[in-house]
Amino acid sequence: MNIREIAADMVAMTKAGDFHIGEKYWADDVVSIEAMDGPMARVEGKDAVMGKSAWWYGAHEVHGTETFGPFVNGNQIAIRWTMDITVKESGERRHSDEVALYTIEDGKIVEERFFY
């Protein structure tokens, strides 16, 4: 698959409610970088990033999402999401607006960065 086909597939998956694009596309040595401090700010390796993803979905109830994009430049893909979520621990319901920037090499995500 070329970069535009990967981007289109990632967006189609999320628009269909499947946010497990990483499990399909993460490289074994993927790096995930969040726009925050703390233990989840930078996670390295497919297993660790899968654990971070599982933690996030376990800590939040997702009521709805909208997907925008993809936006492609060279070997990078940007996708924007808006989400209606509840933080399970506090019960706080909030609206989130996030952009993910994926760097692709050999058909796999080698780095993902989140902006919110």
PDB file of N, CA and C in Angstrom:
ATOM      1  N   MET A   1       0.842  -1.192   0.000  1.00  0.00           N
ATOM      2  CA  MET A   1       0.000   0.000   0.000  1.00  0.00           C
ATOM      3  C   MET A   1       0.882   1.247   0.000  1.00  0.00           C
ATOM      4  N   ASN A   2       0.467   2.246  -0.747  1.00  0.00           N
ATOM      5  CA  ASN A   2       1.190   3.512  -0.700  1.00  0.00           C
ATOM      6  C   ASN A   2       0.627   4.372   0.441  1.00  0.00           C
ATOM      7  N   ILE A   3       1.267   5.506   0.682  1.00  0.00           N
ATOM      8  CA  ILE A   3       0.909   6.358   1.822  1.00  0.00           C
ATOM      9  C   ILE A   3      -0.549   6.819   1.765  1.00  0.00           C
ATOM     10  N   ARG A   4      -1.029   7.159   0.592  1.00  0.00           N
ATOM     11  CA  ARG A   4      -2.423   7.625   0.466  1.00  0.00           C
ATOM     12  C   ARG A   4      -3.413   6.490   0.717  1.00  0.00           C
ATOM     13  N   GLU A   5      -3.080   5.280   0.315  1.00  0.00           N
ATOM     14  CA  GLU A   5      -3.949   4.132   0.583  1.00  0.00           C
ATOM     15  C   GLU A   5      -3.979   3.811   2.073  1.00  0.00           C
ATOM     16  N   ILE A   6      -2.821   3.875   2.727  1.00  0.00           N
ATOM     17  CA  ILE A   6      -2.766   3.653   4.178  1.00  0.00           C
ATOM     18  C   ILE A   6      -3.596   4.717   4.890  1.00  0.00           C
ATOM     19  N   ALA A   7      -3.421   5.986   4.491  1.00  0.00           N
ATOM     20  CA  ALA A   7      -4.165   7.092   5.109  1.00  0.00           C
ATOM     21  C   ALA A   7      -5.671   6.890   4.941  1.00  0.00           C
ATOM     22  N   ALA A   8      -6.095   6.541   3.729  1.00  0.00           N
ATOM     23  CA  ALA A   8      -7.523   6.329   3.473  1.00  0.00           C
ATOM     24  C   ALA A   8      -8.053   5.169   4.310  1.00  0.00           C
ATOM     25  N   ASP A   9      -7.276   4.111   4.458  1.00  0.00           N
ATOM     26  CA  ASP A   9      -7.703   2.962   5.257  1.00  0.00           C
ATOM     27  C   ASP A   9      -7.822   3.344   6.726  1.00  0.00           C
ATOM     28  N   MET A  10      -6.854   4.097   7.243  1.00  0.00           N
ATOM     29  CA  MET A  10      -6.903   4.516   8.645  1.00  0.00           C
ATOM     30  C   MET A  10      -8.151   5.348   8.919  1.00  0.00           C
ATOM     31  N   VAL A  11      -8.457   6.274   8.020  1.00  0.00           N
ATOM     32  CA  VAL A  11      -9.649   7.115   8.200  1.00  0.00           C
ATOM     33  C   VAL A  11     -10.918   6.283   8.055  1.00  0.00           C
ATOM     34  N   ALA A  12     -10.969   5.394   7.080  1.00  0.00           N
ATOM     35  CA  ALA A  12     -12.158   4.544   6.900  1.00  0.00           C
ATOM     36  C   ALA A  12     -12.399   3.689   8.143  1.00  0.00           C
ATOM     37  N   MET A  13     -11.323   3.150   8.724  1.00  0.00           N
ATOM     38  CA  MET A  13     -11.472   2.340   9.934  1.00  0.00           C
ATOM     39  C   MET A  13     -12.083   3.154  11.058  1.00  0.00           C
ATOM     40  N   THR A  14     -11.554   4.361  11.298  1.00  0.00           N
ATOM     41  CA  THR A  14     -12.049   5.154  12.423  1.00  0.00           C
ATOM     42  C   THR A  14     -13.460   5.672  12.166  1.00  0.00           C
ATOM     43  N   LYS A  15     -13.765   6.013  10.926  1.00  0.00           N
ATOM     44  CA  LYS A  15     -15.138   6.446  10.622  1.00  0.00           C
ATOM     45  C   LYS A  15     -16.128   5.308  10.835  1.00  0.00           C
ATOM     46  N   ALA A  16     -15.653   4.073  10.703  1.00  0.00           N
ATOM     47  CA  ALA A  16     -16.505   2.904  10.945  1.00  0.00           C
ATOM     48  C   ALA A  16     -16.525   2.517  12.424  1.00  0.00           C
ATOM     49  N   GLY A  17     -15.817   3.293  13.269  1.00  0.00           N
ATOM     50  CA  GLY A  17     -15.822   3.020  14.706  1.00  0.00           C
ATOM     51  C   GLY A  17     -14.697   2.127  15.177  1.00  0.00           C
ATOM     52  N   ASP A  18     -13.773   1.770  14.292  1.00  0.00           N
ATOM     53  CA  ASP A  18     -12.646   0.911  14.651  1.00  0.00           C
ATOM     54  C   ASP A  18     -11.409   1.779  14.856  1.00  0.00           C
ATOM     55  N   PHE A  19     -11.070   2.043  16.111  1.00  0.00           N
ATOM     56  CA  PHE A  19      -9.924   2.894  16.421  1.00  0.00           C
ATOM     57  C   PHE A  19      -8.669   2.075  16.703  1.00  0.00           C
ATOM     58  N   HIS A  20      -8.635   0.861  16.254  1.00  0.00           N
ATOM     59  CA  HIS A  20      -7.466   0.004  16.469  1.00  0.00           C
ATOM     60  C   HIS A  20      -6.542   0.032  15.257  1.00  0.00           C
ATOM     61  N   ILE A  21      -6.383   1.211  14.669  1.00  0.00           N
ATOM     62  CA  ILE A  21      -5.526   1.333  13.487  1.00  0.00           C
ATOM     63  C   ILE A  21      -4.083   1.000  13.823  1.00  0.00           C
ATOM     64  N   GLY A  22      -3.679   1.297  15.040  1.00  0.00           N
ATOM     65  CA  GLY A  22      -2.309   0.999  15.440  1.00  0.00           C
ATOM     66  C   GLY A  22      -2.012  -0.474  15.417  1.00  0.00           C
ATOM     67  N   GLU A  23      -2.936  -1.280  15.877  1.00  0.00           N
ATOM     68  CA  GLU A  23      -2.707  -2.717  15.904  1.00  0.00           C
ATOM     69  C   GLU A  23      -2.459  -3.256  14.495  1.00  0.00           C
ATOM     70  N   LYS A  24      -3.039  -2.595  13.500  1.00  0.00           N
ATOM     71  CA  LYS A  24      -2.834  -2.992  12.107  1.00  0.00           C
ATOM     72  C   LYS A  24      -1.546  -2.407  11.543  1.00  0.00           C
ATOM     73  N   TYR A  25      -1.197  -1.187  11.962  1.00  0.00           N
ATOM     74  CA  TYR A  25      -0.119  -0.463  11.301  1.00  0.00           C
ATOM     75  C   TYR A  25       1.122  -0.165  12.142  1.00  0.00           C
ATOM     76  N   TRP A  26       1.111  -0.361  13.458  1.00  0.00           N
ATOM     77  CA  TRP A  26       2.293  -0.042  14.258  1.00  0.00           C
ATOM     78  C   TRP A  26       3.487  -0.904  13.871  1.00  0.00           C
ATOM     79  N   ALA A  27       4.652  -0.285  13.755  1.00  0.00           N
ATOM     80  CA  ALA A  27       5.911  -1.017  13.626  1.00  0.00           C
ATOM     81  C   ALA A  27       6.261  -1.591  14.998  1.00  0.00           C
ATOM     82  N   ASP A  28       7.094  -2.602  15.032  1.00  0.00           N
ATOM     83  CA  ASP A  28       7.478  -3.199  16.316  1.00  0.00           C
ATOM     84  C   ASP A  28       8.168  -2.186  17.229  1.00  0.00           C
ATOM     85  N   ASP A  29       8.891  -1.222  16.628  1.00  0.00           N
ATOM     86  CA  ASP A  29       9.630  -0.235  17.423  1.00  0.00           C
ATOM     87  C   ASP A  29       8.960   1.143  17.415  1.00  0.00           C
ATOM     88  N   VAL A  30       7.643   1.168  17.251  1.00  0.00           N
ATOM     89  CA  VAL A  30       6.881   2.420  17.209  1.00  0.00           C
ATOM     90  C   VAL A  30       7.129   3.256  18.463  1.00  0.00           C
ATOM     91  N   VAL A  31       7.089   4.581  18.284  1.00  0.00           N
ATOM     92  CA  VAL A  31       7.189   5.526  19.395  1.00  0.00           C
ATOM     93  C   VAL A  31       5.903   6.343  19.403  1.00  0.00           C
ATOM     94  N   SER A  32       5.278   6.476  20.571  1.00  0.00           N
ATOM     95  CA  SER A  32       4.044   7.233  20.732  1.00  0.00           C
ATOM     96  C   SER A  32       4.308   8.389  21.684  1.00  0.00           C
ATOM     97  N   ILE A  33       4.013   9.613  21.224  1.00  0.00           N
ATOM     98  CA  ILE A  33       4.325  10.808  22.001  1.00  0.00           C
ATOM     99  C   ILE A  33       3.047  11.615  22.232  1.00  0.00           C
ATOM    100  N   GLU A  34       2.731  11.836  23.495  1.00  0.00           N
ATOM    101  CA  GLU A  34       1.560  12.611  23.883  1.00  0.00           C
ATOM    102  C   GLU A  34       1.966  14.041  24.217  1.00  0.00           C
ATOM    103  N   ALA A  35       1.027  14.958  24.159  1.00  0.00           N
ATOM    104  CA  ALA A  35       1.258  16.367  24.504  1.00  0.00           C
ATOM    105  C   ALA A  35       0.964  16.587  25.976  1.00  0.00           C
ATOM    106  N   MET A  36       1.657  15.842  26.826  1.00  0.00           N
ATOM    107  CA  MET A  36       1.442  15.935  28.269  1.00  0.00           C
ATOM    108  C   MET A  36       2.680  15.418  28.981  1.00  0.00           C
ATOM    109  N   ASP A  37       2.725  15.609  30.275  1.00  0.00           N
ATOM    110  CA  ASP A  37       3.779  15.037  31.104  1.00  0.00           C
ATOM    111  C   ASP A  37       3.277  13.729  31.693  1.00  0.00           C
ATOM    112  N   GLY A  38       4.178  12.961  32.258  1.00  0.00           N
ATOM    113  CA  GLY A  38       3.784  11.749  32.956  1.00  0.00           C
ATOM    114  C   GLY A  38       4.246  10.494  32.251  1.00  0.00           C
ATOM    115  N   PRO A  39       3.884   9.343  32.816  1.00  0.00           N
ATOM    116  CA  PRO A  39       4.405   8.066  32.319  1.00  0.00           C
ATOM    117  C   PRO A  39       3.918   7.696  30.911  1.00  0.00           C
ATOM    118  N   MET A  40       2.838   8.268  30.454  1.00  0.00           N
ATOM    119  CA  MET A  40       2.330   7.957  29.116  1.00  0.00           C
ATOM    120  C   MET A  40       2.788   8.983  28.072  1.00  0.00           C
ATOM    121  N   ALA A  41       3.615   9.950  28.475  1.00  0.00           N
ATOM    122  CA  ALA A  41       4.036  11.019  27.576  1.00  0.00           C
ATOM    123  C   ALA A  41       4.852  10.480  26.401  1.00  0.00           C
ATOM    124  N   ARG A  42       5.690   9.501  26.632  1.00  0.00           N
ATOM    125  CA  ARG A  42       6.480   8.877  25.566  1.00  0.00           C
ATOM    126  C   ARG A  42       6.547   7.385  25.850  1.00  0.00           C
ATOM    127  N   VAL A  43       6.021   6.609  24.921  1.00  0.00           N
ATOM    128  CA  VAL A  43       5.981   5.164  25.077  1.00  0.00           C
ATOM    129  C   VAL A  43       6.633   4.557  23.839  1.00  0.00           C
ATOM    130  N   GLU A  44       7.490   3.571  24.052  1.00  0.00           N
ATOM    131  CA  GLU A  44       8.228   2.972  22.945  1.00  0.00           C
ATOM    132  C   GLU A  44       7.975   1.474  22.856  1.00  0.00           C
ATOM    133  N   GLY A  45       7.809   0.997  21.622  1.00  0.00           N
ATOM    134  CA  GLY A  45       7.605  -0.422  21.365  1.00  0.00           C
ATOM    135  C   GLY A  45       6.130  -0.754  21.223  1.00  0.00           C
ATOM    136  N   LYS A  46       5.852  -1.665  20.297  1.00  0.00           N
ATOM    137  CA  LYS A  46       4.463  -2.014  19.980  1.00  0.00           C
ATOM    138  C   LYS A  46       3.681  -2.502  21.199  1.00  0.00           C
ATOM    139  N   ASP A  47       4.278  -3.373  21.998  1.00  0.00           N
ATOM    140  CA  ASP A  47       3.561  -3.895  23.169  1.00  0.00           C
ATOM    141  C   ASP A  47       3.237  -2.785  24.168  1.00  0.00           C
ATOM    142  N   ALA A  48       4.189  -1.874  24.392  1.00  0.00           N
ATOM    143  CA  ALA A  48       3.964  -0.771  25.329  1.00  0.00           C
ATOM    144  C   ALA A  48       2.887   0.175  24.813  1.00  0.00           C
ATOM    145  N   VAL A  49       2.896   0.452  23.509  1.00  0.00           N
ATOM    146  CA  VAL A  49       1.891   1.347  22.938  1.00  0.00           C
ATOM    147  C   VAL A  49       0.516   0.679  22.959  1.00  0.00           C
ATOM    148  N   MET A  50       0.466  -0.637  22.750  1.00  0.00           N
ATOM    149  CA  MET A  50      -0.810  -1.355  22.879  1.00  0.00           C
ATOM    150  C   MET A  50      -1.332  -1.243  24.304  1.00  0.00           C
ATOM    151  N   GLY A  51      -0.432  -1.334  25.287  1.00  0.00           N
ATOM    152  CA  GLY A  51      -0.828  -1.184  26.684  1.00  0.00           C
ATOM    153  C   GLY A  51      -1.360   0.201  26.976  1.00  0.00           C
ATOM    154  N   LYS A  52      -0.720   1.229  26.409  1.00  0.00           N
ATOM    155  CA  LYS A  52      -1.199   2.606  26.587  1.00  0.00           C
ATOM    156  C   LYS A  52      -2.588   2.759  25.978  1.00  0.00           C
ATOM    157  N   SER A  53      -2.784   2.212  24.825  1.00  0.00           N
ATOM    158  CA  SER A  53      -4.084   2.288  24.153  1.00  0.00           C
ATOM    159  C   SER A  53      -5.160   1.578  24.972  1.00  0.00           C
ATOM    160  N   ALA A  54      -4.832   0.404  25.474  1.00  0.00           N
ATOM    161  CA  ALA A  54      -5.792  -0.341  26.310  1.00  0.00           C
ATOM    162  C   ALA A  54      -6.129   0.441  27.566  1.00  0.00           C
ATOM    163  N   TRP A  55      -5.114   1.082  28.182  1.00  0.00           N
ATOM    164  CA  TRP A  55      -5.367   1.913  29.361  1.00  0.00           C
ATOM    165  C   TRP A  55      -6.346   3.034  29.011  1.00  0.00           C
ATOM    166  N   TRP A  56      -6.106   3.749  27.879  1.00  0.00           N
ATOM    167  CA  TRP A  56      -6.942   4.883  27.517  1.00  0.00           C
ATOM    168  C   TRP A  56      -8.390   4.444  27.328  1.00  0.00           C
ATOM    169  N   TYR A  57      -8.607   3.375  26.588  1.00  0.00           N
ATOM    170  CA  TYR A  57      -9.978   2.920  26.355  1.00  0.00           C
ATOM    171  C   TYR A  57     -10.622   2.389  27.629  1.00  0.00           C
ATOM    172  N   GLY A  58      -9.830   1.863  28.545  1.00  0.00           N
ATOM    173  CA  GLY A  58     -10.369   1.418  29.825  1.00  0.00           C
ATOM    174  C   GLY A  58     -10.721   2.566  30.750  1.00  0.00           C
ATOM    175  N   ALA A  59     -10.074   3.729  30.561  1.00  0.00           N
ATOM    176  CA  ALA A  59     -10.271   4.878  31.450  1.00  0.00           C
ATOM    177  C   ALA A  59     -11.320   5.859  30.939  1.00  0.00           C
ATOM    178  N   HIS A  60     -11.778   5.669  29.707  1.00  0.00           N
ATOM    179  CA  HIS A  60     -12.711   6.612  29.092  1.00  0.00           C
ATOM    180  C   HIS A  60     -13.890   5.888  28.441  1.00  0.00           C
ATOM    181  N   GLU A  61     -15.044   6.485  28.562  1.00  0.00           N
ATOM    182  CA  GLU A  61     -16.216   6.012  27.816  1.00  0.00           C
ATOM    183  C   GLU A  61     -16.382   6.969  26.639  1.00  0.00           C
ATOM    184  N   VAL A  62     -16.412   6.422  25.439  1.00  0.00           N
ATOM    185  CA  VAL A  62     -16.537   7.239  24.238  1.00  0.00           C
ATOM    186  C   VAL A  62     -18.002   7.233  23.807  1.00  0.00           C
ATOM    187  N   HIS A  63     -18.602   8.425  23.766  1.00  0.00           N
ATOM    188  CA  HIS A  63     -20.006   8.561  23.377  1.00  0.00           C
ATOM    189  C   HIS A  63     -20.158   8.827  21.886  1.00  0.00           C
ATOM    190  N   GLY A  64     -19.154   9.459  21.291  1.00  0.00           N
ATOM    191  CA  GLY A  64     -19.224   9.771  19.867  1.00  0.00           C
ATOM    192  C   GLY A  64     -17.927  10.370  19.376  1.00  0.00           C
ATOM    193  N   THR A  65     -17.668  10.208  18.097  1.00  0.00           N
ATOM    194  CA  THR A  65     -16.463  10.761  17.483  1.00  0.00           C
ATOM    195  C   THR A  65     -16.785  11.274  16.087  1.00  0.00           C
ATOM    196  N   GLU A  66     -15.965  12.194  15.635  1.00  0.00           N
ATOM    197  CA  GLU A  66     -15.960  12.626  14.245  1.00  0.00           C
ATOM    198  C   GLU A  66     -14.524  12.567  13.774  1.00  0.00           C
ATOM    199  N   THR A  67     -14.315  12.116  12.541  1.00  0.00           N
ATOM    200  CA  THR A  67     -12.980  11.986  11.963  1.00  0.00           C
ATOM    201  C   THR A  67     -12.848  12.944  10.793  1.00  0.00           C
ATOM    202  N   PHE A  68     -11.724  13.642  10.724  1.00  0.00           N
ATOM    203  CA  PHE A  68     -11.448  14.586   9.641  1.00  0.00           C
ATOM    204  C   PHE A  68     -10.108  14.228   9.004  1.00  0.00           C
ATOM    205  N   GLY A  69     -10.050  14.267   7.709  1.00  0.00           N
ATOM    206  CA  GLY A  69      -8.825  13.948   6.991  1.00  0.00           C
ATOM    207  C   GLY A  69      -9.026  12.703   6.166  1.00  0.00           C
ATOM    208  N   PRO A  70      -7.952  12.149   5.722  1.00  0.00           N
ATOM    209  CA  PRO A  70      -6.570  12.353   6.122  1.00  0.00           C
ATOM    210  C   PRO A  70      -5.919  13.523   5.386  1.00  0.00           C
ATOM    211  N   PHE A  71      -4.836  13.988   5.981  1.00  0.00           N
ATOM    212  CA  PHE A  71      -4.003  15.023   5.388  1.00  0.00           C
ATOM    213  C   PHE A  71      -2.611  14.405   5.241  1.00  0.00           C
ATOM    214  N   VAL A  72      -2.120  14.320   4.020  1.00  0.00           N
ATOM    215  CA  VAL A  72      -0.868  13.610   3.738  1.00  0.00           C
ATOM    216  C   VAL A  72       0.196  14.590   3.262  1.00  0.00           C
ATOM    217  N   ASN A  73       1.421  14.413   3.783  1.00  0.00           N
ATOM    218  CA  ASN A  73       2.570  15.189   3.332  1.00  0.00           C
ATOM    219  C   ASN A  73       3.784  14.271   3.398  1.00  0.00           C
ATOM    220  N   GLY A  74       4.285  13.873   2.243  1.00  0.00           N
ATOM    221  CA  GLY A  74       5.441  12.968   2.212  1.00  0.00           C
ATOM    222  C   GLY A  74       5.103  11.650   2.877  1.00  0.00           C
ATOM    223  N   ASN A  75       5.857  11.295   3.909  1.00  0.00           N
ATOM    224  CA  ASN A  75       5.612  10.030   4.612  1.00  0.00           C
ATOM    225  C   ASN A  75       4.840  10.242   5.920  1.00  0.00           C
ATOM    226  N   GLN A  76       4.103  11.357   6.007  1.00  0.00           N
ATOM    227  CA  GLN A  76       3.329  11.628   7.213  1.00  0.00           C
ATOM    228  C   GLN A  76       1.849  11.787   6.908  1.00  0.00           C
ATOM    229  N   ILE A  77       1.048  11.347   7.871  1.00  0.00           N
ATOM    230  CA  ILE A  77      -0.411  11.406   7.787  1.00  0.00           C
ATOM    231  C   ILE A  77      -0.916  12.117   9.031  1.00  0.00           C
ATOM    232  N   ALA A  78      -1.760  13.114   8.837  1.00  0.00           N
ATOM    233  CA  ALA A  78      -2.426  13.766   9.967  1.00  0.00           C
ATOM    234  C   ALA A  78      -3.911  13.438   9.893  1.00  0.00           C
ATOM    235  N   ILE A  79      -4.481  13.137  11.051  1.00  0.00           N
ATOM    236  CA  ILE A  79      -5.915  12.872  11.170  1.00  0.00           C
ATOM    237  C   ILE A  79      -6.404  13.647  12.384  1.00  0.00           C
ATOM    238  N   ARG A  80      -7.560  14.278  12.250  1.00  0.00           N
ATOM    239  CA  ARG A  80      -8.144  15.036  13.361  1.00  0.00           C
ATOM    240  C   ARG A  80      -9.394  14.317  13.839  1.00  0.00           C
ATOM    241  N   TRP A  81      -9.539  14.268  15.152  1.00  0.00           N
ATOM    242  CA  TRP A  81     -10.739  13.694  15.756  1.00  0.00           C
ATOM    243  C   TRP A  81     -11.332  14.671  16.755  1.00  0.00           C
ATOM    244  N   THR A  82     -12.646  14.732  16.782  1.00  0.00           N
ATOM    245  CA  THR A  82     -13.333  15.342  17.904  1.00  0.00           C
ATOM    246  C   THR A  82     -14.059  14.205  18.597  1.00  0.00           C
ATOM    247  N   MET A  83     -14.062  14.238  19.916  1.00  0.00           N
ATOM    248  CA  MET A  83     -14.648  13.150  20.694  1.00  0.00           C
ATOM    249  C   MET A  83     -15.485  13.683  21.835  1.00  0.00           C
ATOM    250  N   ASP A  84     -16.562  12.997  22.093  1.00  0.00           N
ATOM    251  CA  ASP A  84     -17.400  13.224  23.261  1.00  0.00           C
ATOM    252  C   ASP A  84     -17.105  12.050  24.187  1.00  0.00           C
ATOM    253  N   ILE A  85     -16.419  12.335  25.309  1.00  0.00           N
ATOM    254  CA  ILE A  85     -15.978  11.265  26.198  1.00  0.00           C
ATOM    255  C   ILE A  85     -16.336  11.561  27.651  1.00  0.00           C
ATOM    256  N   THR A  86     -16.379  10.502  28.442  1.00  0.00           N
ATOM    257  CA  THR A  86     -16.484  10.623  29.893  1.00  0.00           C
ATOM    258  C   THR A  86     -15.269   9.960  30.507  1.00  0.00           C
ATOM    259  N   VAL A  87     -14.605  10.682  31.405  1.00  0.00           N
ATOM    260  CA  VAL A  87     -13.494  10.119  32.168  1.00  0.00           C
ATOM    261  C   VAL A  87     -14.126   9.246  33.252  1.00  0.00           C
ATOM    262  N   LYS A  88     -13.905   7.958  33.191  1.00  0.00           N
ATOM    263  CA  LYS A  88     -14.583   7.027  34.094  1.00  0.00           C
ATOM    264  C   LYS A  88     -14.279   7.304  35.569  1.00  0.00           C
ATOM    265  N   GLU A  89     -13.039   7.634  35.883  1.00  0.00           N
ATOM    266  CA  GLU A  89     -12.652   7.836  37.285  1.00  0.00           C
ATOM    267  C   GLU A  89     -13.398   9.001  37.930  1.00  0.00           C
ATOM    268  N   SER A  90     -13.564  10.099  37.193  1.00  0.00           N
ATOM    269  CA  SER A  90     -14.185  11.300  37.773  1.00  0.00           C
ATOM    270  C   SER A  90     -15.643  11.467  37.370  1.00  0.00           C
ATOM    271  N   GLY A  91     -16.055  10.786  36.309  1.00  0.00           N
ATOM    272  CA  GLY A  91     -17.403  10.974  35.792  1.00  0.00           C
ATOM    273  C   GLY A  91     -17.552  12.231  34.957  1.00  0.00           C
ATOM    274  N   GLU A  92     -16.439  12.947  34.745  1.00  0.00           N
ATOM    275  CA  GLU A  92     -16.478  14.191  33.979  1.00  0.00           C
ATOM    276  C   GLU A  92     -16.670  13.889  32.486  1.00  0.00           C
ATOM    277  N   ARG A  93     -17.668  14.522  31.930  1.00  0.00           N
ATOM    278  CA  ARG A  93     -17.908  14.394  30.499  1.00  0.00           C
ATOM    279  C   ARG A  93     -17.274  15.594  29.811  1.00  0.00           C
ATOM    280  N   ARG A  94     -16.535  15.345  28.739  1.00  0.00           N
ATOM    281  CA  ARG A  94     -15.851  16.447  28.063  1.00  0.00           C
ATOM    282  C   ARG A  94     -15.792  16.231  26.557  1.00  0.00           C
ATOM    283  N   HIS A  95     -15.539  17.328  25.893  1.00  0.00           N
ATOM    284  CA  HIS A  95     -15.353  17.320  24.446  1.00  0.00           C
ATOM    285  C   HIS A  95     -13.851  17.435  24.191  1.00  0.00           C
ATOM    286  N   SER A  96     -13.329  16.568  23.364  1.00  0.00           N
ATOM    287  CA  SER A  96     -11.904  16.613  23.060  1.00  0.00           C
ATOM    288  C   SER A  96     -11.710  16.860  21.572  1.00  0.00           C
ATOM    289  N   ASP A  97     -10.669  17.600  21.248  1.00  0.00           N
ATOM    290  CA  ASP A  97     -10.304  17.917  19.868  1.00  0.00           C
ATOM    291  C   ASP A  97      -8.825  17.585  19.735  1.00  0.00           C
ATOM    292  N   GLU A  98      -8.499  16.652  18.867  1.00  0.00           N
ATOM    293  CA  GLU A  98      -7.151  16.093  18.821  1.00  0.00           C
ATOM    294  C   GLU A  98      -6.696  15.907  17.384  1.00  0.00           C
ATOM    295  N   VAL A  99      -5.405  16.126  17.149  1.00  0.00           N
ATOM    296  CA  VAL A  99      -4.781  15.816  15.864  1.00  0.00           C
ATOM    297  C   VAL A  99      -3.693  14.789  16.129  1.00  0.00           C
ATOM    298  N   ALA A 100      -3.666  13.750  15.310  1.00  0.00           N
ATOM    299  CA  ALA A 100      -2.610  12.747  15.376  1.00  0.00           C
ATOM    300  C   ALA A 100      -1.759  12.878  14.128  1.00  0.00           C
ATOM    301  N   LEU A 101      -0.448  12.870  14.309  1.00  0.00           N
ATOM    302  CA  LEU A 101       0.488  12.914  13.197  1.00  0.00           C
ATOM    303  C   LEU A 101       1.258  11.602  13.199  1.00  0.00           C
ATOM    304  N   TYR A 102       1.103  10.849  12.126  1.00  0.00           N
ATOM    305  CA  TYR A 102       1.733   9.538  11.987  1.00  0.00           C
ATOM    306  C   TYR A 102       2.862   9.611  10.972  1.00  0.00           C
ATOM    307  N   THR A 103       4.024   9.085  11.332  1.00  0.00           N
ATOM    308  CA  THR A 103       5.137   8.957  10.396  1.00  0.00           C
ATOM    309  C   THR A 103       5.203   7.504   9.960  1.00  0.00           C
ATOM    310  N   ILE A 104       5.202   7.295   8.654  1.00  0.00           N
ATOM    311  CA  ILE A 104       5.117   5.959   8.065  1.00  0.00           C
ATOM    312  C   ILE A 104       6.433   5.597   7.396  1.00  0.00           C
ATOM    313  N   GLU A 105       6.918   4.394   7.668  1.00  0.00           N
ATOM    314  CA  GLU A 105       8.072   3.830   6.974  1.00  0.00           C
ATOM    315  C   GLU A 105       7.764   2.376   6.657  1.00  0.00           C
ATOM    316  N   ASP A 106       8.006   1.981   5.414  1.00  0.00           N
ATOM    317  CA  ASP A 106       7.757   0.610   4.968  1.00  0.00           C
ATOM    318  C   ASP A 106       6.340   0.148   5.307  1.00  0.00           C
ATOM    319  N   GLY A 107       5.368   1.053   5.161  1.00  0.00           N
ATOM    320  CA  GLY A 107       3.972   0.707   5.384  1.00  0.00           C
ATOM    321  C   GLY A 107       3.545   0.610   6.835  1.00  0.00           C
ATOM    322  N   LYS A 108       4.410   0.994   7.760  1.00  0.00           N
ATOM    323  CA  LYS A 108       4.113   0.888   9.196  1.00  0.00           C
ATOM    324  C   LYS A 108       4.295   2.236   9.884  1.00  0.00           C
ATOM    325  N   ILE A 109       3.540   2.440  10.965  1.00  0.00           N
ATOM    326  CA  ILE A 109       3.676   3.649  11.788  1.00  0.00           C
ATOM    327  C   ILE A 109       4.920   3.479  12.656  1.00  0.00           C
ATOM    328  N   VAL A 110       5.900   4.372  12.458  1.00  0.00           N
ATOM    329  CA  VAL A 110       7.100   4.336  13.289  1.00  0.00           C
ATOM    330  C   VAL A 110       7.041   5.371  14.406  1.00  0.00           C
ATOM    331  N   GLU A 111       6.207   6.399  14.206  1.00  0.00           N
ATOM    332  CA  GLU A 111       6.001   7.394  15.255  1.00  0.00           C
ATOM    333  C   GLU A 111       4.601   7.961  15.134  1.00  0.00           C
ATOM    334  N   GLU A 112       3.971   8.166  16.286  1.00  0.00           N
ATOM    335  CA  GLU A 112       2.704   8.857  16.350  1.00  0.00           C
ATOM    336  C   GLU A 112       2.822   9.943  17.394  1.00  0.00           C
ATOM    337  N   ARG A 113       2.332  11.155  17.031  1.00  0.00           N
ATOM    338  CA  ARG A 113       2.347  12.301  17.939  1.00  0.00           C
ATOM    339  C   ARG A 113       0.933  12.847  18.030  1.00  0.00           C
ATOM    340  N   PHE A 114       0.537  13.171  19.241  1.00  0.00           N
ATOM    341  CA  PHE A 114      -0.817  13.664  19.465  1.00  0.00           C
ATOM    342  C   PHE A 114      -0.777  15.107  19.935  1.00  0.00           C
ATOM    343  N   PHE A 115      -1.646  15.919  19.341  1.00  0.00           N
ATOM    344  CA  PHE A 115      -1.764  17.343  19.652  1.00  0.00           C
ATOM    345  C   PHE A 115      -3.195  17.595  20.095  1.00  0.00           C
ATOM    346  N   TYR A 116      -3.371  18.241  21.241  1.00  0.00           N
ATOM    347  CA  TYR A 116      -4.718  18.554  21.743  1.00  0.00           C
ATOM    348  C   TYR A 116      -4.679  19.749  22.628  1.00  0.00           C
TER     349      TYR A 116
END
